[in-house]
Amino acid sequence: MFLDLFYGLRDEGVPVAIQEWQTFLEALEEGLHGSSLLRFYHLGRSCLIKSETYFDSYDKVFAKVFKGVEGALGDEITESILDWLKDPKNFPELTPEQLAELEHLTQDELMRRFLETLAEQTERHDGGNKWVGTGGRSPYGHGGVHPTGIRVGGPAKSRSAMKVAEERRFSDYRTDLSLDIRQMRVALRRLRQLTRTGPQTELSLDDTIDETCKNAGEIELVFRAPRKNDVRLLLLMDVGGTMDPYYEPVSQLLTALHEERGLRDFQAYYFHNCIYDHVYSRARLTRADAVPTGDILRRLDPRWKVAIVGDAAMHPAELVEPYGGIDPRITSPTPGIQWLHRIADHFDRSVWINPDKKDIWGDYQTVRTVKRLFPMFHLSVDGLTEAVQSLVGARQ
């Protein structure tokens, strides 16, 4: 079984050598894995994986070799509840008049009623307006329509849930992809503002000729500082949920930026749906990976360029209300819209890159709001070219 893990990682392209494997086996002999599958999982990852780039591949292989690991690693929704919500029935769409009649709940009231309902419920339910189920007018479950609902299991439908009750496991965007579209790299290479900084070590041929002519042929060498790219880029990436379909293009973008050696400085962080008090160095969005957004604003001066990647489609409460984050475990008293204003006001140039098709941007109130704060461009070759021009102006 352990060899299946080793060869599975190799098949996924994870660079695992004999040295790492021997270290892993020695750790097992010492009993460092204990009696917990979770500890065994972390021990293997720490011994076998050299870069966080391969964490996602490790998770896939581990889950395949040790079937059932998802439950052992700690699901927060009971299997019985999730079983109730499988195979939702199709229900007719509500009319605008029926939608207007639905009760609008505050976040606190929504969570309180959800927990009370979950404690009372004893079986699966489809339709209706009370129980956790599928379809209908209930604010709990999935597949239905409610203006202030909490999604339990199932895929996002209308992107209107106020909260989501499920384990939030997102995958880091990869930085080792070979891009299929060369034009994307070409567009990003224009992300340059050349300035002359540092010691004067570069021979200026034109100035040398001019000074030599002025000296009646006596050679006068003129040196100047070399031209270097002065662009420093902050990349903020929405991850998980409705961004899952765009995993590949965002990974390609991150890969290209990591390989763009001309940037003076580059930093990348994750968020989910909207930016709040913290952004994250990893897509897991855990406390250990949290970086205070205010610290970033204090640390980076206004000359930094900012590119935010996300679909900007969310429940309006996530954008404009205190404690509006969709994950009830990660909330902030400061509304997301205030943090977006602070970012737009602090940095001289910033853009929003949206992977959704441009013809649906107007369908979402939150997208329209964000678009008034940041110039918005599509995640495509043409869109990236326009975004780069907005960040640095015409190519110099």
Protein backbone atom coordinates (compact mmCIF):
# COMPACT_ATOMS: atom_id res chain seq x y z
CA MET A 1 0.00 0.00 0.00
CA PHE A 2 2.82 2.40 0.84
CA LEU A 3 4.45 1.68 -2.51
CA ASP A 4 1.15 2.58 -4.19
CA LEU A 5 1.48 5.99 -2.56
CA PHE A 6 5.07 6.38 -3.80
CA TYR A 7 4.37 5.36 -7.39
CA GLY A 8 1.08 7.26 -7.43
CA LEU A 9 2.92 10.46 -6.56
CA ARG A 10 5.49 9.78 -9.26
CA ASP A 11 2.71 9.19 -11.80
CA GLU A 12 1.19 12.58 -10.85
CA GLY A 13 4.48 14.28 -11.62
CA VAL A 14 5.45 14.89 -8.00
CA PRO A 15 9.28 14.81 -7.70
CA VAL A 16 9.62 12.16 -4.96
CA ALA A 17 13.10 10.58 -4.73
CA ILE A 18 14.38 7.56 -2.80
CA GLN A 19 15.88 9.83 -0.14
CA GLU A 20 12.48 11.35 0.74
CA TRP A 21 10.90 7.89 0.72
CA GLN A 22 13.51 6.49 3.11
CA THR A 23 12.98 9.45 5.43
CA PHE A 24 9.25 8.71 5.40
CA LEU A 25 9.78 5.03 6.23
CA GLU A 26 12.19 5.90 9.04
CA ALA A 27 9.61 8.28 10.50
CA LEU A 28 7.04 5.47 10.40
CA GLU A 29 9.43 3.13 12.19
CA GLU A 30 9.84 5.74 14.91
CA GLY A 31 6.07 5.83 15.32
CA LEU A 32 5.79 9.53 14.50
CA HIS A 33 2.47 8.91 12.74
CA GLY A 34 0.81 7.84 16.01
CA SER A 35 -2.61 6.20 15.74
CA SER A 36 -4.28 8.96 13.76
CA LEU A 37 -4.83 8.90 10.01
CA LEU A 38 -4.65 12.69 10.06
CA ARG A 39 -1.18 12.58 11.62
CA PHE A 40 -0.14 9.94 9.07
CA TYR A 41 -1.39 12.22 6.28
CA HIS A 42 0.61 15.22 7.54
CA LEU A 43 3.71 13.09 8.20
CA GLY A 44 3.68 11.81 4.63
CA ARG A 45 3.17 15.25 3.19
CA SER A 46 5.98 16.79 5.24
CA CYS A 47 8.43 14.03 4.27
CA LEU A 48 7.52 13.53 0.60
CA ILE A 49 6.43 16.95 -0.70
CA LYS A 50 9.09 19.62 -1.27
CA SER A 51 6.83 22.44 -2.44
CA GLU A 52 3.27 23.53 -1.69
CA THR A 53 2.75 23.46 -5.46
CA TYR A 54 2.28 19.69 -5.18
CA PHE A 55 -0.07 19.64 -2.16
CA ASP A 56 -3.09 19.23 -4.41
CA SER A 57 -1.51 16.26 -6.24
CA TYR A 58 -0.59 14.70 -2.90
CA ASP A 59 -4.19 15.02 -1.68
CA LYS A 60 -5.55 13.33 -4.78
CA VAL A 61 -3.12 10.40 -4.60
CA PHE A 62 -3.56 10.00 -0.84
CA ALA A 63 -7.34 9.92 -1.16
CA LYS A 64 -7.06 7.33 -3.94
CA VAL A 65 -4.69 5.03 -2.05
CA PHE A 66 -6.36 5.40 1.35
CA LYS A 67 -10.03 5.37 0.38
CA GLY A 68 -12.38 7.08 2.81
CA VAL A 69 -9.77 9.58 3.94
CA GLU A 70 -12.10 12.53 3.43
CA GLY A 71 -14.30 11.49 6.33
CA ALA A 72 -11.32 10.60 8.50
CA LEU A 73 -9.83 14.05 7.97
CA GLY A 74 -12.85 15.69 9.48
CA ASP A 75 -16.05 16.48 7.52
CA GLU A 76 -18.17 19.08 9.27
CA ILE A 77 -21.49 17.99 7.77
CA THR A 78 -22.76 14.58 8.85
CA GLU A 79 -23.03 11.87 6.22
CA SER A 80 -26.72 11.40 6.93
CA ILE A 81 -27.47 15.04 6.12
CA LEU A 82 -25.47 14.85 2.89
CA ASP A 83 -27.26 11.62 1.94
CA TRP A 84 -30.58 13.40 2.29
CA LEU A 85 -29.43 16.03 -0.18
CA LYS A 86 -28.27 13.72 -2.96
CA ASP A 87 -30.14 13.61 -6.30
CA PRO A 88 -32.24 16.74 -5.84
CA LYS A 89 -35.59 16.83 -7.61
CA ASN A 90 -36.32 19.47 -10.19
CA PHE A 91 -38.72 22.16 -9.01
CA PRO A 92 -40.31 24.97 -11.01
CA GLU A 93 -38.71 28.39 -10.81
CA LEU A 94 -40.48 30.89 -8.57
CA THR A 95 -42.17 33.91 -10.08
CA PRO A 96 -40.92 37.41 -9.18
CA GLU A 97 -44.03 37.87 -7.01
CA GLN A 98 -43.30 34.65 -5.10
CA LEU A 99 -39.67 35.64 -4.63
CA ALA A 100 -40.71 39.00 -3.18
CA GLU A 101 -42.84 37.20 -0.58
CA LEU A 102 -39.92 35.20 0.82
CA GLU A 103 -38.68 36.33 4.20
CA HIS A 104 -35.35 38.15 4.28
CA LEU A 105 -33.32 36.94 7.25
CA THR A 106 -30.34 38.51 8.95
CA GLN A 107 -27.16 36.45 9.15
CA ASP A 108 -27.56 35.76 12.88
CA GLU A 109 -31.21 34.78 12.51
CA LEU A 110 -30.38 32.56 9.53
CA MET A 111 -27.70 30.62 11.42
CA ARG A 112 -29.87 30.30 14.56
CA ARG A 113 -32.85 28.93 12.64
CA PHE A 114 -30.62 26.60 10.62
CA LEU A 115 -29.17 24.95 13.73
CA GLU A 116 -32.63 24.65 15.31
CA THR A 117 -34.07 23.10 12.15
CA LEU A 118 -31.16 20.67 11.83
CA ALA A 119 -31.73 19.51 15.41
CA GLU A 120 -35.42 18.80 14.72
CA GLN A 121 -35.10 17.17 11.30
CA THR A 122 -35.08 13.37 11.13
CA GLU A 123 -35.36 12.56 7.41
CA ARG A 124 -34.68 13.74 3.88
CA HIS A 125 -36.92 16.48 2.50
CA ASP A 126 -37.58 17.81 -1.01
CA GLY A 127 -39.36 21.08 -1.67
CA GLY A 128 -41.33 22.99 0.91
CA ASN A 129 -40.34 26.03 2.91
CA LYS A 130 -39.06 24.74 6.27
CA TRP A 131 -36.68 21.76 6.33
CA VAL A 132 -33.10 21.30 5.14
CA GLY A 133 -33.60 19.81 1.69
CA THR A 134 -33.53 20.34 -2.05
CA GLY A 135 -35.56 22.77 -4.09
CA GLY A 136 -38.54 24.68 -2.77
CA ARG A 137 -38.50 27.90 -0.77
CA SER A 138 -36.62 26.77 2.32
CA PRO A 139 -33.56 28.88 3.16
CA TYR A 140 -31.61 25.69 3.99
CA GLY A 141 -30.28 23.10 1.53
CA HIS A 142 -29.57 23.47 -2.15
CA GLY A 143 -31.26 23.52 -5.53
CA GLY A 144 -33.91 26.00 -4.42
CA VAL A 145 -34.21 29.75 -4.48
CA HIS A 146 -34.11 32.00 -1.43
CA PRO A 147 -32.70 35.53 -1.17
CA THR A 148 -31.01 34.89 2.22
CA GLY A 149 -30.28 31.17 2.20
CA ILE A 150 -27.60 28.86 3.51
CA ARG A 151 -26.36 26.23 1.05
CA VAL A 152 -25.87 22.74 2.48
CA GLY A 153 -24.15 20.30 0.13
CA GLY A 154 -24.64 20.30 -3.63
CA PRO A 155 -23.22 22.71 -6.22
CA ALA A 156 -23.82 26.44 -6.32
CA LYS A 157 -26.77 27.28 -8.55
CA SER A 158 -27.57 30.98 -8.60
CA ARG A 159 -24.54 32.18 -6.55
CA SER A 160 -26.90 33.82 -4.06
CA ALA A 161 -26.24 31.89 -0.82
CA MET A 162 -25.57 34.09 2.19
CA LYS A 163 -23.66 31.30 3.97
CA VAL A 164 -22.32 27.86 3.03
CA ALA A 165 -22.35 24.96 5.51
CA GLU A 166 -19.74 22.58 4.20
CA GLU A 167 -16.04 21.93 4.55
CA ARG A 168 -14.17 24.51 2.49
CA ARG A 169 -11.33 22.63 0.79
CA PHE A 170 -9.78 24.65 -1.97
CA SER A 171 -6.65 23.90 -3.99
CA ASP A 172 -3.71 26.25 -4.46
CA TYR A 173 -3.40 27.54 -8.01
CA ARG A 174 -0.38 25.83 -9.51
CA THR A 175 2.82 27.57 -10.53
CA ASP A 176 4.41 24.78 -12.58
CA LEU A 177 2.07 24.60 -15.58
CA SER A 178 3.38 24.71 -19.12
CA LEU A 179 1.21 27.32 -20.80
CA ASP A 180 -0.56 26.32 -23.98
CA ILE A 181 -1.19 29.93 -25.05
CA ARG A 182 2.06 31.71 -25.73
CA GLN A 183 0.20 34.99 -26.22
CA MET A 184 -0.55 35.09 -22.49
CA ARG A 185 3.15 35.28 -21.71
CA VAL A 186 3.65 37.90 -24.37
CA ALA A 187 0.88 40.02 -22.86
CA LEU A 188 2.40 39.77 -19.38
CA ARG A 189 5.89 40.66 -20.63
CA ARG A 190 4.51 44.11 -21.30
CA LEU A 191 4.15 44.48 -17.54
CA ARG A 192 7.28 46.59 -17.42
CA GLN A 193 8.26 50.13 -16.55
CA LEU A 194 11.97 50.55 -17.20
CA THR A 195 13.78 53.09 -15.06
CA ARG A 196 17.47 53.80 -14.54
CA THR A 197 18.46 52.98 -10.98
CA GLY A 198 21.62 51.97 -9.16
CA PRO A 199 25.31 52.67 -9.86
CA GLN A 200 26.34 54.05 -13.25
CA THR A 201 27.92 50.94 -14.75
CA GLU A 202 26.44 50.90 -18.26
CA LEU A 203 28.35 52.57 -21.12
CA SER A 204 26.22 55.14 -22.94
CA LEU A 205 27.43 54.94 -26.51
CA ASP A 206 25.53 57.99 -27.80
CA ASP A 207 26.62 60.23 -24.92
CA THR A 208 30.21 58.98 -25.27
CA ILE A 209 30.25 59.94 -28.97
CA ASP A 210 28.78 63.37 -28.19
CA GLU A 211 31.32 64.12 -25.45
CA THR A 212 34.20 62.79 -27.59
CA CYS A 213 33.19 65.12 -30.43
CA LYS A 214 33.02 68.04 -28.02
CA ASN A 215 36.57 67.19 -26.86
CA ALA A 216 37.94 67.35 -30.40
CA GLY A 217 38.31 63.60 -30.69
CA GLU A 218 39.68 62.89 -27.25
CA ILE A 219 37.70 59.94 -25.96
CA GLU A 220 35.40 60.75 -23.05
CA LEU A 221 33.58 57.68 -21.73
CA VAL A 222 30.12 58.35 -20.29
CA PHE A 223 28.39 55.82 -18.06
CA ARG A 224 24.84 55.67 -16.80
CA ALA A 225 22.70 53.47 -14.55
CA PRO A 226 21.20 50.40 -16.27
CA ARG A 227 17.48 50.30 -17.05
CA LYS A 228 15.56 47.88 -14.84
CA ASN A 229 11.90 46.96 -14.52
CA ASP A 230 10.46 48.95 -11.63
CA VAL A 231 7.07 47.18 -11.53
CA ARG A 232 6.06 45.56 -8.25
CA LEU A 233 2.87 43.50 -8.54
CA LEU A 234 0.40 42.34 -5.90
CA LEU A 235 -1.88 39.53 -7.12
CA LEU A 236 -5.04 38.71 -5.13
CA MET A 237 -6.90 35.58 -6.27
CA ASP A 238 -10.42 34.38 -5.50
CA VAL A 239 -10.35 30.60 -4.98
CA GLY A 240 -12.96 27.87 -4.59
CA GLY A 241 -16.70 27.79 -5.18
CA THR A 242 -17.68 29.47 -8.43
CA MET A 243 -13.98 29.90 -9.27
CA ASP A 244 -13.43 26.13 -9.52
CA PRO A 245 -14.24 26.03 -13.29
CA TYR A 246 -11.43 28.55 -13.84
CA TYR A 247 -8.72 26.61 -12.00
CA GLU A 248 -6.68 26.02 -15.17
CA PRO A 249 -6.59 29.58 -16.62
CA VAL A 250 -5.86 31.16 -13.22
CA SER A 251 -3.09 28.60 -12.67
CA GLN A 252 -1.69 29.51 -16.08
CA LEU A 253 -1.75 33.18 -15.14
CA LEU A 254 0.03 32.50 -11.84
CA THR A 255 2.59 30.32 -13.60
CA ALA A 256 3.33 33.03 -16.16
CA LEU A 257 3.77 35.66 -13.46
CA HIS A 258 6.13 33.44 -11.46
CA GLU A 259 8.20 32.97 -14.61
CA GLU A 260 8.20 36.69 -15.43
CA ARG A 261 11.68 37.38 -14.10
CA GLY A 262 11.60 41.04 -15.05
CA LEU A 263 9.28 42.07 -12.20
CA ARG A 264 11.06 43.94 -9.43
CA ASP A 265 8.85 42.25 -6.83
CA PHE A 266 5.82 39.96 -6.88
CA GLN A 267 3.48 38.78 -4.11
CA ALA A 268 0.34 36.61 -4.39
CA TYR A 269 -2.43 35.89 -1.90
CA TYR A 270 -5.79 34.10 -1.85
CA PHE A 271 -9.28 35.08 -0.72
CA HIS A 272 -12.76 33.66 -1.15
CA ASN A 273 -15.47 35.71 -2.87
CA CYS A 274 -14.45 39.03 -1.28
CA ILE A 275 -11.47 40.49 0.58
CA TYR A 276 -11.92 41.03 4.31
CA ASP A 277 -9.60 41.53 7.31
CA HIS A 278 -7.22 38.82 6.08
CA VAL A 279 -5.92 37.37 2.84
CA TYR A 280 -4.11 34.02 2.75
CA SER A 281 -0.79 32.69 1.52
CA ARG A 282 -2.42 29.30 0.82
CA ALA A 283 -5.77 28.35 -0.64
CA ARG A 284 -6.67 26.45 2.52
CA LEU A 285 -7.62 29.81 4.07
CA THR A 286 -6.59 28.70 7.55
CA ARG A 287 -5.44 30.91 10.42
CA ALA A 288 -1.89 29.69 9.96
CA ASP A 289 -1.91 31.09 6.40
CA ALA A 290 -3.70 34.36 7.24
CA VAL A 291 -2.02 37.68 6.50
CA PRO A 292 -3.74 40.87 7.78
CA THR A 293 -4.92 42.93 4.83
CA GLY A 294 -4.11 46.10 6.76
CA ASP A 295 -0.50 44.96 7.14
CA ILE A 296 -0.21 44.59 3.38
CA LEU A 297 -1.49 48.13 2.86
CA ARG A 298 1.00 49.45 5.40
CA ARG A 299 3.89 47.43 3.98
CA LEU A 300 3.38 48.08 0.25
CA ASP A 301 3.60 51.65 -0.98
CA PRO A 302 1.18 53.11 -3.57
CA ARG A 303 3.58 52.41 -6.45
CA TRP A 304 2.71 48.72 -6.30
CA LYS A 305 0.38 47.53 -9.06
CA VAL A 306 -2.61 45.42 -7.96
CA ALA A 307 -4.41 42.75 -9.99
CA ILE A 308 -7.44 41.08 -8.39
CA VAL A 309 -8.69 37.90 -10.06
CA GLY A 310 -12.24 36.75 -9.33
CA ASP A 311 -15.76 36.52 -10.72
CA ALA A 312 -17.07 39.09 -8.16
CA ALA A 313 -20.41 37.22 -8.14
CA MET A 314 -21.64 36.71 -4.57
CA HIS A 315 -24.54 37.39 -2.24
CA PRO A 316 -24.84 41.16 -1.71
CA ALA A 317 -24.44 40.64 2.05
CA GLU A 318 -20.92 39.30 1.46
CA LEU A 319 -19.98 42.61 -0.09
CA VAL A 320 -21.81 45.26 1.93
CA GLU A 321 -22.72 43.86 5.37
CA PRO A 322 -20.59 43.39 8.51
CA TYR A 323 -19.77 39.72 9.15
CA GLY A 324 -20.91 39.04 5.61
CA GLY A 325 -18.36 36.34 4.72
CA ILE A 326 -19.99 33.21 3.32
CA ASP A 327 -17.97 30.98 5.65
CA PRO A 328 -19.35 31.58 9.17
CA ARG A 329 -15.97 30.57 10.64
CA ILE A 330 -14.18 33.41 8.84
CA THR A 331 -16.09 36.63 9.35
CA SER A 332 -15.13 40.27 9.68
CA PRO A 333 -16.87 43.25 11.27
CA THR A 334 -15.63 45.37 8.37
CA PRO A 335 -17.69 44.90 5.19
CA GLY A 336 -15.78 43.69 2.15
CA ILE A 337 -16.72 46.79 0.18
CA GLN A 338 -14.73 48.91 2.64
CA TRP A 339 -11.61 46.81 2.12
CA LEU A 340 -12.02 47.08 -1.65
CA HIS A 341 -12.32 50.86 -1.30
CA ARG A 342 -9.15 50.93 0.82
CA ILE A 343 -7.23 48.93 -1.79
CA ALA A 344 -8.47 51.11 -4.66
CA ASP A 345 -7.62 54.31 -2.75
CA HIS A 346 -4.20 53.17 -1.48
CA PHE A 347 -2.63 51.98 -4.72
CA ASP A 348 -2.12 54.23 -7.72
CA ARG A 349 -3.12 51.58 -10.25
CA SER A 350 -5.27 48.48 -9.79
CA VAL A 351 -7.42 46.25 -12.00
CA TRP A 352 -9.97 43.47 -11.58
CA ILE A 353 -9.63 40.46 -13.90
CA ASN A 354 -12.88 38.51 -14.28
CA PRO A 355 -12.90 34.97 -15.77
CA ASP A 356 -16.67 34.99 -16.37
CA LYS A 357 -17.95 35.91 -19.81
CA LYS A 358 -18.39 39.65 -20.18
CA ASP A 359 -22.00 39.33 -21.31
CA ILE A 360 -23.11 38.09 -17.88
CA TRP A 361 -21.26 40.67 -15.76
CA GLY A 362 -24.34 42.87 -15.69
CA ASP A 363 -26.49 40.06 -14.28
CA TYR A 364 -24.94 40.37 -10.82
CA GLN A 365 -25.36 43.38 -8.57
CA THR A 366 -22.02 42.73 -6.86
CA VAL A 367 -20.16 42.62 -10.18
CA ARG A 368 -21.64 45.95 -11.16
CA THR A 369 -20.58 47.41 -7.80
CA VAL A 370 -17.02 46.09 -8.03
CA LYS A 371 -16.77 47.30 -11.62
CA ARG A 372 -17.36 50.86 -10.41
CA LEU A 373 -14.35 50.55 -8.10
CA PHE A 374 -11.85 48.84 -10.40
CA PRO A 375 -11.35 48.76 -14.17
CA MET A 376 -12.57 45.25 -15.03
CA PHE A 377 -11.07 43.07 -17.77
CA HIS A 378 -11.73 39.55 -18.99
CA LEU A 379 -9.30 36.72 -18.22
CA SER A 380 -8.17 36.22 -21.81
CA VAL A 381 -5.21 37.20 -23.93
CA ASP A 382 -6.91 40.39 -25.11
CA GLY A 383 -8.21 41.13 -21.63
CA LEU A 384 -4.77 40.68 -20.08
CA THR A 385 -3.26 42.99 -22.68
CA GLU A 386 -5.80 45.67 -21.79
CA ALA A 387 -5.27 45.08 -18.05
CA VAL A 388 -1.50 45.45 -18.39
CA GLN A 389 -1.93 48.67 -20.35
CA SER A 390 -4.19 49.97 -17.57
CA LEU A 391 -1.57 49.09 -14.94
CA VAL A 392 1.52 50.51 -16.60
CA GLY A 393 0.30 52.55 -19.54
CA ALA A 394 1.64 52.20 -23.08
CA ARG A 395 4.70 50.04 -23.47
CA GLN A 396 7.89 52.02 -22.97
